[in-house]
Amino acid sequence: MIQALLTFISALWLGILTSISPCPLATNIAAVSYLSKKINHPKLVLQSSIAYTLGRVLTYALLGTIIVTSLVGVPATANFLQKYMNKILGPILLIAGLFLLDIIKINIPSLSLSHGRQSALAEAGVRGSFMLGMIFALSFCPIAAALFFGSLIPLALNSKYGIALPFFYGIGTGIPVIIFAISITLGVKSISKWFDKAKTFERYTRKITGIIFILIGIYFIWLYVIGNL
């Protein structure tokens, strides 16, 4: 039970860390900016923000489920993962940690929308906000890709709760948006200060998470790779 709880919390934490990383944070800032145009209708702001979050959650859940079930559903792949997962998990976590520490950098093409299109979707109400969340979820920048493909997917493949983890990851990515939306609904005007604090918080937590990933990766390499030589 404790192990399952820690696994779900880990997936949730990876989602939160993704959401407040520089690139996803920028998209979330844009989303909140567009959604908050309905500031005279705070309920609409909250509803649109929830729809935006649900769009992200559904996208990550579907994408993660497709990847995990595809890999596990093929007997040859499933046997390979069962035999070598612990061996390849170490290098994957090590590389993901190096990405989080900005030691490794790579440009990854992602989906993008013009400001006009983003604004049009935000103005389209709940349905448009839901679509905006789905599109932004697919806008993988290097750090987001490292956390999703390099951390969440291996975690899901190595857990019996694998299919559920992308769902919790998606919830994590939407938590900051919901917090800011509630702040707007309650009339908090210093949103920019909140974003600045989020950036500072992300900088430290990303480095700590990166170091933890590297240490765990080295441990797995030592235990399952070097130890079996």
Protein backbone atom coordinates (compact mmCIF):
# COMPACT_ATOMS: atom_id res chain seq x y z
CA MET A 1 0.00 0.00 0.00
CA ILE A 2 2.78 2.42 0.92
CA GLN A 3 4.69 1.53 -2.24
CA ALA A 4 1.60 2.16 -4.38
CA LEU A 5 1.03 5.52 -2.67
CA LEU A 6 4.65 6.54 -3.27
CA THR A 7 4.33 5.54 -6.92
CA PHE A 8 1.23 7.69 -7.41
CA ILE A 9 2.82 10.61 -5.55
CA SER A 10 5.91 10.29 -7.75
CA ALA A 11 3.78 10.49 -10.90
CA LEU A 12 1.90 13.48 -9.47
CA TRP A 13 5.17 15.18 -8.54
CA LEU A 14 6.62 14.65 -12.02
CA GLY A 15 3.50 16.31 -13.43
CA ILE A 16 3.80 19.32 -11.09
CA LEU A 17 7.50 19.66 -11.89
CA THR A 18 6.69 19.52 -15.61
CA SER A 19 4.04 22.21 -15.26
CA ILE A 20 6.34 24.69 -13.53
CA SER A 21 9.34 24.02 -15.77
CA PRO A 22 10.25 27.02 -17.98
CA CYS A 23 8.62 25.95 -21.26
CA PRO A 24 5.39 24.43 -19.86
CA LEU A 25 5.18 27.30 -17.36
CA ALA A 26 5.20 29.72 -20.28
CA THR A 27 2.29 27.89 -21.91
CA ASN A 28 0.41 27.81 -18.61
CA ILE A 29 1.02 31.54 -18.17
CA ALA A 30 -0.40 32.06 -21.65
CA ALA A 31 -3.39 29.86 -20.83
CA VAL A 32 -4.14 31.68 -17.57
CA SER A 33 -3.68 35.03 -19.33
CA TYR A 34 -6.22 34.15 -22.01
CA LEU A 35 -8.65 32.49 -19.63
CA SER A 36 -8.46 35.40 -17.18
CA LYS A 37 -9.82 37.77 -19.83
CA LYS A 38 -13.18 36.75 -18.41
CA ILE A 39 -12.16 38.28 -15.09
CA ASN A 40 -15.61 39.89 -14.73
CA HIS A 41 -17.03 36.37 -14.76
CA PRO A 42 -14.87 34.52 -12.21
CA LYS A 43 -16.96 31.35 -12.46
CA LEU A 44 -16.21 31.19 -16.18
CA VAL A 45 -12.50 31.60 -15.43
CA LEU A 46 -12.63 28.67 -13.01
CA GLN A 47 -14.73 26.50 -15.35
CA SER A 48 -12.46 27.22 -18.31
CA SER A 49 -9.36 26.49 -16.21
CA ILE A 50 -10.81 23.15 -15.08
CA ALA A 51 -11.62 22.31 -18.71
CA TYR A 52 -8.06 23.26 -19.70
CA THR A 53 -6.69 21.00 -16.95
CA LEU A 54 -8.96 18.12 -17.99
CA GLY A 55 -7.68 18.51 -21.55
CA ARG A 56 -4.11 18.08 -20.31
CA VAL A 57 -5.03 15.16 -18.04
CA LEU A 58 -6.88 13.29 -20.81
CA THR A 59 -4.07 13.84 -23.32
CA TYR A 60 -1.33 12.58 -21.00
CA ALA A 61 -3.51 9.69 -19.82
CA LEU A 62 -4.30 8.56 -23.38
CA LEU A 63 -0.74 9.03 -24.64
CA GLY A 64 0.76 7.23 -21.64
CA THR A 65 -1.79 4.40 -21.83
CA ILE A 66 -1.14 3.89 -25.54
CA ILE A 67 2.63 3.76 -25.02
CA VAL A 68 2.51 1.47 -21.98
CA THR A 69 -0.08 -0.95 -23.37
CA SER A 70 1.68 -1.04 -26.74
CA LEU A 71 4.99 -1.99 -25.14
CA VAL A 72 3.55 -4.43 -22.62
CA GLY A 73 1.01 -5.90 -25.05
CA VAL A 74 3.64 -7.26 -27.44
CA PRO A 75 4.95 -10.54 -25.96
CA ALA A 76 8.51 -10.05 -27.26
CA THR A 77 8.66 -6.51 -25.92
CA ALA A 78 7.08 -7.51 -22.61
CA ASN A 79 9.62 -10.30 -22.15
CA PHE A 80 12.46 -7.94 -23.03
CA LEU A 81 11.26 -5.33 -20.53
CA GLN A 82 10.76 -7.94 -17.83
CA LYS A 83 14.31 -9.17 -18.36
CA TYR A 84 16.18 -5.93 -18.97
CA MET A 85 14.00 -3.15 -17.49
CA ASN A 86 16.11 -2.69 -14.37
CA LYS A 87 19.26 -2.59 -16.50
CA ILE A 88 18.00 0.09 -18.88
CA LEU A 89 16.21 2.06 -16.17
CA GLY A 90 19.53 3.21 -14.67
CA PRO A 91 20.87 4.87 -17.86
CA ILE A 92 17.42 6.36 -18.59
CA LEU A 93 17.19 7.98 -15.15
CA LEU A 94 20.79 9.16 -15.43
CA ILE A 95 20.13 10.85 -18.77
CA ALA A 96 16.84 12.32 -17.52
CA GLY A 97 18.68 13.76 -14.51
CA LEU A 98 21.29 15.33 -16.78
CA PHE A 99 18.47 16.95 -18.76
CA LEU A 100 16.94 18.37 -15.58
CA LEU A 101 20.32 19.84 -14.58
CA ASP A 102 20.70 21.39 -18.07
CA ILE A 103 23.92 19.43 -18.60
CA ILE A 104 22.41 17.85 -21.71
CA LYS A 105 20.41 20.10 -24.01
CA ILE A 106 18.55 19.23 -27.17
CA ASN A 107 15.88 20.94 -29.24
CA ILE A 108 12.71 18.89 -29.67
CA PRO A 109 10.10 19.94 -32.25
CA SER A 110 6.68 20.52 -30.72
CA LEU A 111 3.22 21.70 -31.59
CA SER A 112 2.66 25.44 -31.46
CA LEU A 113 -0.24 27.81 -31.89
CA SER A 114 -0.30 31.44 -32.90
CA HIS A 115 -1.39 33.94 -30.27
CA GLY A 116 -4.51 34.59 -32.30
CA ARG A 117 -5.45 30.91 -32.38
CA GLN A 118 -4.77 30.54 -28.65
CA SER A 119 -6.96 33.52 -27.91
CA ALA A 120 -9.72 32.18 -30.18
CA LEU A 121 -9.74 28.84 -28.36
CA ALA A 122 -9.80 30.57 -24.97
CA GLU A 123 -12.71 32.72 -26.11
CA ALA A 124 -14.59 29.62 -27.27
CA GLY A 125 -15.51 28.81 -23.68
CA VAL A 126 -15.18 25.48 -21.92
CA ARG A 127 -14.83 23.44 -25.12
CA GLY A 128 -12.12 25.74 -26.49
CA SER A 129 -10.26 25.66 -23.16
CA PHE A 130 -10.37 21.86 -23.21
CA MET A 131 -8.85 21.82 -26.71
CA LEU A 132 -6.22 24.36 -25.62
CA GLY A 133 -5.22 22.06 -22.77
CA MET A 134 -4.89 19.09 -25.13
CA ILE A 135 -2.74 21.00 -27.61
CA PHE A 136 -0.48 22.51 -24.92
CA ALA A 137 -0.04 19.05 -23.40
CA LEU A 138 1.47 17.85 -26.68
CA SER A 139 3.91 20.78 -26.80
CA PHE A 140 6.81 18.80 -25.39
CA CYS A 141 9.95 20.83 -24.69
CA PRO A 142 13.18 18.99 -23.68
CA ILE A 143 12.53 19.04 -19.92
CA ALA A 144 8.90 18.00 -20.31
CA ALA A 145 9.94 15.22 -22.70
CA ALA A 146 12.62 14.04 -20.27
CA LEU A 147 10.12 13.92 -17.41
CA PHE A 148 7.35 12.22 -19.40
CA PHE A 149 9.24 9.80 -21.66
CA GLY A 150 12.39 9.43 -19.57
CA SER A 151 10.84 9.25 -16.10
CA LEU A 152 7.09 8.65 -16.10
CA ILE A 153 6.96 5.98 -18.83
CA PRO A 154 9.79 3.86 -17.30
CA LEU A 155 8.09 4.25 -13.91
CA ALA A 156 4.80 3.10 -15.43
CA LEU A 157 6.43 0.15 -17.19
CA ASN A 158 8.03 -0.93 -13.94
CA SER A 159 4.80 -0.71 -11.91
CA LYS A 160 1.65 -2.81 -11.84
CA TYR A 161 -0.29 0.48 -11.66
CA GLY A 162 1.36 1.65 -14.89
CA ILE A 163 -1.76 2.63 -16.84
CA ALA A 164 -3.01 4.86 -14.00
CA LEU A 165 0.24 6.83 -13.60
CA PRO A 166 -0.13 9.06 -16.70
CA PHE A 167 -3.52 10.12 -15.30
CA PHE A 168 -1.93 11.29 -12.05
CA TYR A 169 0.87 12.91 -14.05
CA GLY A 170 -1.72 14.88 -16.02
CA ILE A 171 -3.42 16.01 -12.80
CA GLY A 172 -0.04 17.24 -11.56
CA THR A 173 0.49 19.34 -14.68
CA GLY A 174 -2.86 21.04 -14.15
CA ILE A 175 -2.57 21.82 -10.42
CA PRO A 176 -0.70 25.16 -10.87
CA VAL A 177 -3.29 26.32 -13.42
CA ILE A 178 -6.14 25.52 -11.04
CA ILE A 179 -4.35 27.35 -8.20
CA PHE A 180 -3.92 30.47 -10.33
CA ALA A 181 -7.50 30.26 -11.57
CA ILE A 182 -8.81 30.06 -7.99
CA SER A 183 -6.59 33.03 -7.10
CA ILE A 184 -8.15 35.02 -9.93
CA THR A 185 -11.63 33.95 -8.85
CA LEU A 186 -10.89 35.12 -5.30
CA GLY A 187 -9.60 38.43 -6.58
CA VAL A 188 -5.88 37.94 -5.99
CA LYS A 189 -4.17 40.57 -8.16
CA SER A 190 -0.50 39.74 -7.62
CA ILE A 191 -0.49 36.80 -10.04
CA SER A 192 2.81 37.91 -11.56
CA LYS A 193 4.48 37.52 -8.15
CA TRP A 194 3.06 34.00 -7.91
CA PHE A 195 4.58 33.14 -11.28
CA ASP A 196 7.94 34.55 -10.18
CA LYS A 197 7.82 32.42 -7.03
CA ALA A 198 6.89 29.38 -9.14
CA LYS A 199 9.93 29.97 -11.35
CA THR A 200 12.21 30.18 -8.31
CA PHE A 201 10.62 27.10 -6.75
CA GLU A 202 10.99 25.19 -10.04
CA ARG A 203 14.65 26.07 -10.37
CA TYR A 204 15.55 24.48 -7.03
CA THR A 205 13.17 21.52 -7.15
CA ARG A 206 14.23 20.63 -10.71
CA LYS A 207 17.88 20.53 -9.66
CA ILE A 208 17.08 18.45 -6.57
CA THR A 209 14.98 16.04 -8.64
CA GLY A 210 17.73 15.87 -11.26
CA ILE A 211 20.33 14.97 -8.62
CA ILE A 212 18.02 12.30 -7.17
CA PHE A 213 17.46 10.84 -10.64
CA ILE A 214 21.24 10.71 -11.26
CA LEU A 215 21.90 9.04 -7.91
CA ILE A 216 19.15 6.45 -8.45
CA GLY A 217 20.37 5.90 -12.00
CA ILE A 218 23.94 5.30 -10.81
CA TYR A 219 22.62 2.92 -8.14
CA PHE A 220 20.65 0.91 -10.71
CA ILE A 221 23.65 0.83 -13.08
CA TRP A 222 25.91 -0.37 -10.26
CA LEU A 223 23.41 -2.96 -9.03
CA TYR A 224 21.99 -4.37 -12.26
CA VAL A 225 24.64 -3.62 -14.91
CA ILE A 226 28.06 -3.55 -13.32
CA GLY A 227 27.03 -6.04 -10.63
CA ASN A 228 26.11 -8.63 -13.27
CA LEU A 229 29.36 -8.35 -15.23
